[in-house]
Amino acid sequence: MATAIVDFGPRWPPALRAYDYLTALTYPQFAWEVLRRNRDYLVAVRSYGAIET
């Protein structure tokens, strides 16, 4: 039986130039970019009930 190859989504890791937009952010915007990728933060916020999923 042949193995199926599933290829979807962007290549990982992205090229470093994909992060160039970070240099134009203010401190609060940059902080949000960090927080929204932090799994511990997201779990804590959801457990508090501030975000409906």
N, C-alpha and C. Protein backbone atom coordinates (compact mmCIF):
# COMPACT_ATOMS: atom_id res chain seq x y z
N MET A 1 0.84 -1.17 0.00
CA MET A 1 0.00 0.00 0.00
C MET A 1 0.89 1.24 0.00
N ALA A 2 0.55 2.18 -0.84
CA ALA A 2 1.32 3.42 -0.95
C ALA A 2 1.00 4.35 0.22
N THR A 3 2.00 5.08 0.65
CA THR A 3 1.81 6.05 1.73
C THR A 3 1.37 7.37 1.14
N ALA A 4 0.31 7.93 1.66
CA ALA A 4 -0.18 9.22 1.18
C ALA A 4 0.69 10.34 1.76
N ILE A 5 0.98 11.30 0.94
CA ILE A 5 1.73 12.47 1.38
C ILE A 5 0.76 13.63 1.46
N VAL A 6 0.62 14.17 2.63
CA VAL A 6 -0.28 15.30 2.82
C VAL A 6 0.58 16.53 3.06
N ASP A 7 0.42 17.52 2.20
CA ASP A 7 1.22 18.73 2.31
C ASP A 7 0.28 19.93 2.23
N PHE A 8 0.08 20.59 3.36
CA PHE A 8 -0.76 21.77 3.38
C PHE A 8 -0.21 22.75 4.40
N GLY A 9 -0.57 23.98 4.23
CA GLY A 9 -0.08 25.01 5.14
C GLY A 9 1.27 25.54 4.69
N PRO A 10 1.73 26.56 5.40
CA PRO A 10 3.02 27.17 5.03
C PRO A 10 4.19 26.28 5.42
N ARG A 11 5.29 26.47 4.76
CA ARG A 11 6.51 25.75 5.11
C ARG A 11 6.98 26.20 6.49
N TRP A 12 7.57 25.29 7.23
CA TRP A 12 8.02 25.60 8.58
C TRP A 12 9.45 25.21 8.75
N PRO A 13 10.30 25.96 9.33
CA PRO A 13 10.05 27.30 9.86
C PRO A 13 10.03 28.33 8.73
N PRO A 14 9.32 29.43 8.94
CA PRO A 14 9.27 30.47 7.90
C PRO A 14 10.63 31.16 7.77
N ALA A 15 10.80 31.81 6.66
CA ALA A 15 12.04 32.57 6.44
C ALA A 15 12.11 33.71 7.46
N LEU A 16 13.30 34.10 7.83
CA LEU A 16 13.46 35.17 8.82
C LEU A 16 12.80 36.47 8.39
N ARG A 17 12.74 36.73 7.09
CA ARG A 17 12.12 37.98 6.63
C ARG A 17 10.62 38.02 6.93
N ALA A 18 10.03 36.88 7.25
CA ALA A 18 8.61 36.85 7.62
C ALA A 18 8.37 37.58 8.94
N TYR A 19 9.41 37.82 9.70
CA TYR A 19 9.29 38.50 10.98
C TYR A 19 9.68 39.96 10.93
N ASP A 20 9.95 40.48 9.74
CA ASP A 20 10.36 41.89 9.61
C ASP A 20 9.32 42.86 10.14
N TYR A 21 8.03 42.49 10.08
CA TYR A 21 6.98 43.39 10.54
C TYR A 21 7.12 43.71 12.04
N LEU A 22 7.80 42.85 12.78
CA LEU A 22 7.94 43.06 14.22
C LEU A 22 8.72 44.33 14.54
N THR A 23 9.59 44.75 13.66
CA THR A 23 10.40 45.95 13.92
C THR A 23 9.57 47.22 13.90
N ALA A 24 8.39 47.18 13.28
CA ALA A 24 7.54 48.37 13.19
C ALA A 24 6.50 48.45 14.30
N LEU A 25 6.45 47.46 15.17
CA LEU A 25 5.42 47.43 16.21
C LEU A 25 5.81 48.30 17.41
N THR A 26 4.78 48.82 18.08
CA THR A 26 5.00 49.52 19.35
C THR A 26 5.23 48.46 20.42
N TYR A 27 5.63 48.89 21.61
CA TYR A 27 5.85 47.93 22.70
C TYR A 27 4.58 47.15 23.04
N PRO A 28 3.42 47.81 23.15
CA PRO A 28 2.20 47.04 23.45
C PRO A 28 1.84 46.04 22.34
N GLN A 29 2.04 46.42 21.09
CA GLN A 29 1.77 45.52 19.98
C GLN A 29 2.72 44.32 20.00
N PHE A 30 3.98 44.60 20.29
CA PHE A 30 4.97 43.52 20.35
C PHE A 30 4.65 42.58 21.52
N ALA A 31 4.26 43.16 22.65
CA ALA A 31 3.91 42.34 23.81
C ALA A 31 2.74 41.42 23.47
N TRP A 32 1.75 41.94 22.74
CA TRP A 32 0.63 41.10 22.36
C TRP A 32 1.08 39.97 21.43
N GLU A 33 1.97 40.24 20.52
CA GLU A 33 2.48 39.20 19.62
C GLU A 33 3.14 38.07 20.44
N VAL A 34 3.83 38.44 21.50
CA VAL A 34 4.46 37.44 22.36
C VAL A 34 3.40 36.67 23.14
N LEU A 35 2.47 37.39 23.75
CA LEU A 35 1.46 36.74 24.58
C LEU A 35 0.54 35.82 23.79
N ARG A 36 0.15 36.22 22.60
CA ARG A 36 -0.81 35.41 21.85
C ARG A 36 -0.21 34.08 21.38
N ARG A 37 1.09 33.97 21.45
CA ARG A 37 1.76 32.71 21.09
C ARG A 37 2.16 31.88 22.32
N ASN A 38 1.93 32.43 23.51
CA ASN A 38 2.32 31.77 24.75
C ASN A 38 1.19 30.86 25.23
N ARG A 39 1.39 29.55 25.12
CA ARG A 39 0.33 28.60 25.46
C ARG A 39 -0.09 28.69 26.92
N ASP A 40 0.85 28.89 27.81
CA ASP A 40 0.51 29.01 29.24
C ASP A 40 -0.41 30.21 29.48
N TYR A 41 -0.11 31.31 28.82
CA TYR A 41 -0.95 32.50 28.94
C TYR A 41 -2.35 32.23 28.42
N LEU A 42 -2.45 31.60 27.26
CA LEU A 42 -3.77 31.33 26.67
C LEU A 42 -4.59 30.38 27.54
N VAL A 43 -3.94 29.38 28.11
CA VAL A 43 -4.65 28.46 29.00
C VAL A 43 -5.17 29.21 30.22
N ALA A 44 -4.34 30.07 30.78
CA ALA A 44 -4.74 30.83 31.96
C ALA A 44 -5.91 31.76 31.65
N VAL A 45 -5.85 32.43 30.53
CA VAL A 45 -6.93 33.35 30.15
C VAL A 45 -8.23 32.59 29.94
N ARG A 46 -8.15 31.47 29.25
CA ARG A 46 -9.36 30.68 29.00
C ARG A 46 -9.94 30.10 30.29
N SER A 47 -9.07 29.72 31.20
CA SER A 47 -9.57 29.16 32.46
C SER A 47 -10.23 30.24 33.32
N TYR A 48 -9.81 31.48 33.15
CA TYR A 48 -10.40 32.59 33.87
C TYR A 48 -11.78 32.94 33.31
N GLY A 49 -12.00 32.59 32.04
CA GLY A 49 -13.29 32.85 31.42
C GLY A 49 -13.34 34.13 30.62
N ALA A 50 -12.19 34.72 30.37
CA ALA A 50 -12.17 35.98 29.63
C ALA A 50 -12.38 35.77 28.13
N ILE A 51 -12.12 34.57 27.64
CA ILE A 51 -12.27 34.27 26.22
C ILE A 51 -13.19 33.08 26.07
N GLU A 52 -14.21 33.24 25.24
CA GLU A 52 -15.07 32.11 24.94
C GLU A 52 -14.50 31.36 23.75
N THR A 53 -14.46 30.04 23.85
CA THR A 53 -13.94 29.24 22.74
C THR A 53 -15.04 28.50 22.05
